[in-house]
Amino acid sequence: MKGYGIVCLEVKGGEIWHDGTDWYQQQRKGPTVINPVRQARDALYALRSYVEADPRWSHGRLRCTAGGGTQADELARLRAENARLRGAEKEWQLEREILRRAAAYFAKEVK
């Protein structure tokens, strides 16, 4: 449904840390490598399957966007979005200038 969404979060308890390569969680047996990104992604797709299997759901396939990329991935995504928005801003400025000039021209015609 347009305008609505679901956010899947992987919530952890206890001591969690990242050593630059892997995520760890302190457990009784000691530090254990975990993968919260994979766990959140698996939960996301399980939730999608659950919703789509319900006979009351009539909106077709749900689009899922699984986050959790690296910081470099997120930075690249944000830079691309920033470039897109800067380009759109230039377009809007040009359109605004065209409209300003057209309004000034037609204002002279009306007088």
C-alpha atoms as a PDB file:
ATOM      1  CA  MET A   1       0.000   0.000   0.000  1.00  0.00           C
ATOM      2  CA  LYS A   2       1.509   3.248  -1.083  1.00  0.00           C
ATOM      3  CA  GLY A   3       2.495   5.477   1.818  1.00  0.00           C
ATOM      4  CA  TYR A   4       2.788   2.633   4.315  1.00  0.00           C
ATOM      5  CA  GLY A   5       5.655   0.451   5.327  1.00  0.00           C
ATOM      6  CA  ILE A   6       7.100  -1.918   7.856  1.00  0.00           C
ATOM      7  CA  VAL A   7      10.493  -1.656   9.473  1.00  0.00           C
ATOM      8  CA  CYS A   8      12.206  -4.840  10.610  1.00  0.00           C
ATOM      9  CA  LEU A   9      14.777  -4.381  13.329  1.00  0.00           C
ATOM     10  CA  GLU A  10      17.008  -6.981  14.892  1.00  0.00           C
ATOM     11  CA  VAL A  11      17.060  -6.204  18.600  1.00  0.00           C
ATOM     12  CA  LYS A  12      19.902  -7.574  20.668  1.00  0.00           C
ATOM     13  CA  GLY A  13      20.430  -7.672  24.394  1.00  0.00           C
ATOM     14  CA  GLY A  14      23.595  -7.721  26.400  1.00  0.00           C
ATOM     15  CA  GLU A  15      26.991  -6.685  25.186  1.00  0.00           C
ATOM     16  CA  ILE A  16      27.324  -6.267  21.401  1.00  0.00           C
ATOM     17  CA  TRP A  17      30.336  -4.977  19.491  1.00  0.00           C
ATOM     18  CA  HIS A  18      31.877  -4.808  16.042  1.00  0.00           C
ATOM     19  CA  ASP A  19      35.599  -5.315  15.581  1.00  0.00           C
ATOM     20  CA  GLY A  20      35.753  -3.784  12.115  1.00  0.00           C
ATOM     21  CA  THR A  21      35.072  -7.123  10.473  1.00  0.00           C
ATOM     22  CA  ASP A  22      32.479  -9.071  12.470  1.00  0.00           C
ATOM     23  CA  TRP A  23      29.688  -8.469  14.968  1.00  0.00           C
ATOM     24  CA  TYR A  24      30.008 -10.174  18.365  1.00  0.00           C
ATOM     25  CA  GLN A  25      27.651 -10.849  21.237  1.00  0.00           C
ATOM     26  CA  GLN A  26      28.850 -11.791  24.700  1.00  0.00           C
ATOM     27  CA  GLN A  27      27.211 -15.074  25.671  1.00  0.00           C
ATOM     28  CA  ARG A  28      27.732 -17.504  28.565  1.00  0.00           C
ATOM     29  CA  LYS A  29      30.144 -19.545  26.464  1.00  0.00           C
ATOM     30  CA  GLY A  30      32.071 -16.376  25.552  1.00  0.00           C
ATOM     31  CA  PRO A  31      32.112 -13.972  22.626  1.00  0.00           C
ATOM     32  CA  THR A  32      30.127 -15.347  19.686  1.00  0.00           C
ATOM     33  CA  VAL A  33      30.104 -14.084  16.098  1.00  0.00           C
ATOM     34  CA  ILE A  34      26.587 -12.995  15.110  1.00  0.00           C
ATOM     35  CA  ASN A  35      25.035 -11.624  11.938  1.00  0.00           C
ATOM     36  CA  PRO A  36      22.248  -9.201  12.871  1.00  0.00           C
ATOM     37  CA  VAL A  37      21.944  -7.973   9.270  1.00  0.00           C
ATOM     38  CA  ARG A  38      21.226 -11.487   7.995  1.00  0.00           C
ATOM     39  CA  GLN A  39      18.833 -12.092  10.885  1.00  0.00           C
ATOM     40  CA  ALA A  40      16.887  -8.885  10.146  1.00  0.00           C
ATOM     41  CA  ARG A  41      16.799  -9.692   6.413  1.00  0.00           C
ATOM     42  CA  ASP A  42      15.522 -13.228   7.114  1.00  0.00           C
ATOM     43  CA  ALA A  43      12.823 -11.795   9.402  1.00  0.00           C
ATOM     44  CA  LEU A  44      11.870  -9.243   6.737  1.00  0.00           C
ATOM     45  CA  TYR A  45      11.303 -11.901   4.090  1.00  0.00           C
ATOM     46  CA  ALA A  46       9.508 -14.203   6.551  1.00  0.00           C
ATOM     47  CA  LEU A  47       7.163 -11.340   7.410  1.00  0.00           C
ATOM     48  CA  ARG A  48       6.560 -10.649   3.732  1.00  0.00           C
ATOM     49  CA  SER A  49       5.717 -14.313   3.100  1.00  0.00           C
ATOM     50  CA  TYR A  50       3.358 -14.321   6.075  1.00  0.00           C
ATOM     51  CA  VAL A  51       1.486 -11.212   4.891  1.00  0.00           C
ATOM     52  CA  GLU A  52       1.288 -12.353   1.278  1.00  0.00           C
ATOM     53  CA  ALA A  53      -0.047 -15.781   2.323  1.00  0.00           C
ATOM     54  CA  ASP A  54      -2.975 -14.198   4.177  1.00  0.00           C
ATOM     55  CA  PRO A  55      -6.120 -14.411   2.019  1.00  0.00           C
ATOM     56  CA  ARG A  56      -7.089 -10.879   3.085  1.00  0.00           C
ATOM     57  CA  TRP A  57      -3.972  -9.494   1.353  1.00  0.00           C
ATOM     58  CA  SER A  58      -4.938  -8.341  -2.122  1.00  0.00           C
ATOM     59  CA  HIS A  59      -2.174  -5.912  -3.068  1.00  0.00           C
ATOM     60  CA  GLY A  60       0.182  -8.287  -4.887  1.00  0.00           C
ATOM     61  CA  ARG A  61       3.870  -8.726  -4.209  1.00  0.00           C
ATOM     62  CA  LEU A  62       5.355  -6.633  -1.427  1.00  0.00           C
ATOM     63  CA  ARG A  63       8.562  -4.822  -2.265  1.00  0.00           C
ATOM     64  CA  CYS A  64      11.249  -5.379   0.338  1.00  0.00           C
ATOM     65  CA  THR A  65      14.331  -3.273   0.750  1.00  0.00           C
ATOM     66  CA  ALA A  66      16.799  -4.889   3.053  1.00  0.00           C
ATOM     67  CA  GLY A  67      19.240  -2.443   4.570  1.00  0.00           C
ATOM     68  CA  GLY A  68      22.326  -3.354   6.421  1.00  0.00           C
ATOM     69  CA  GLY A  69      24.974  -2.709   3.815  1.00  0.00           C
ATOM     70  CA  THR A  70      28.360  -1.506   4.847  1.00  0.00           C
ATOM     71  CA  GLN A  71      29.042   2.083   5.772  1.00  0.00           C
ATOM     72  CA  ALA A  72      30.725   2.452   2.375  1.00  0.00           C
ATOM     73  CA  ASP A  73      27.534   1.187   0.670  1.00  0.00           C
ATOM     74  CA  GLU A  74      25.393   3.636   2.622  1.00  0.00           C
ATOM     75  CA  LEU A  75      27.797   6.494   1.905  1.00  0.00           C
ATOM     76  CA  ALA A  76      27.733   5.674  -1.822  1.00  0.00           C
ATOM     77  CA  ARG A  77      23.921   5.541  -1.764  1.00  0.00           C
ATOM     78  CA  LEU A  78      23.712   8.886   0.035  1.00  0.00           C
ATOM     79  CA  ARG A  79      26.211  10.513  -2.349  1.00  0.00           C
ATOM     80  CA  ALA A  80      24.206   9.304  -5.346  1.00  0.00           C
ATOM     81  CA  GLU A  81      20.975  10.610  -3.779  1.00  0.00           C
ATOM     82  CA  ASN A  82      22.667  13.931  -3.024  1.00  0.00           C
ATOM     83  CA  ALA A  83      23.837  14.228  -6.650  1.00  0.00           C
ATOM     84  CA  ARG A  84      20.335  13.399  -7.891  1.00  0.00           C
ATOM     85  CA  LEU A  85      18.802  16.037  -5.632  1.00  0.00           C
ATOM     86  CA  ARG A  86      21.356  18.664  -6.694  1.00  0.00           C
ATOM     87  CA  GLY A  87      20.485  17.965 -10.314  1.00  0.00           C
ATOM     88  CA  ALA A  88      16.782  18.233  -9.530  1.00  0.00           C
ATOM     89  CA  GLU A  89      17.414  21.518  -7.702  1.00  0.00           C
ATOM     90  CA  LYS A  90      19.097  22.967 -10.798  1.00  0.00           C
ATOM     91  CA  GLU A  91      16.068  21.917 -12.859  1.00  0.00           C
ATOM     92  CA  TRP A  92      13.697  23.540 -10.368  1.00  0.00           C
ATOM     93  CA  GLN A  93      15.741  26.730 -10.372  1.00  0.00           C
ATOM     94  CA  LEU A  94      15.618  26.866 -14.173  1.00  0.00           C
ATOM     95  CA  GLU A  95      11.850  26.236 -14.180  1.00  0.00           C
ATOM     96  CA  ARG A  96      11.360  28.906 -11.514  1.00  0.00           C
ATOM     97  CA  GLU A  97      13.354  31.407 -13.603  1.00  0.00           C
ATOM     98  CA  ILE A  98      11.330  30.585 -16.732  1.00  0.00           C
ATOM     99  CA  LEU A  99       8.087  31.063 -14.790  1.00  0.00           C
ATOM    100  CA  ARG A 100       9.363  34.326 -13.259  1.00  0.00           C
ATOM    101  CA  ARG A 101      10.233  35.697 -16.709  1.00  0.00           C
ATOM    102  CA  ALA A 102       6.931  34.533 -18.186  1.00  0.00           C
ATOM    103  CA  ALA A 103       5.021  36.194 -15.342  1.00  0.00           C
ATOM    104  CA  ALA A 104       6.957  39.437 -15.854  1.00  0.00           C
ATOM    105  CA  TYR A 105       6.317  39.316 -19.613  1.00  0.00           C
ATOM    106  CA  PHE A 106       2.595  38.710 -19.232  1.00  0.00           C
ATOM    107  CA  ALA A 107       2.344  41.349 -16.520  1.00  0.00           C
ATOM    108  CA  LYS A 108       3.638  43.911 -19.073  1.00  0.00           C
ATOM    109  CA  GLU A 109       1.115  42.667 -21.652  1.00  0.00           C
ATOM    110  CA  VAL A 110      -1.793  43.121 -19.238  1.00  0.00           C
ATOM    111  CA  LYS A 111      -0.936  46.790 -18.482  1.00  0.00           C
END
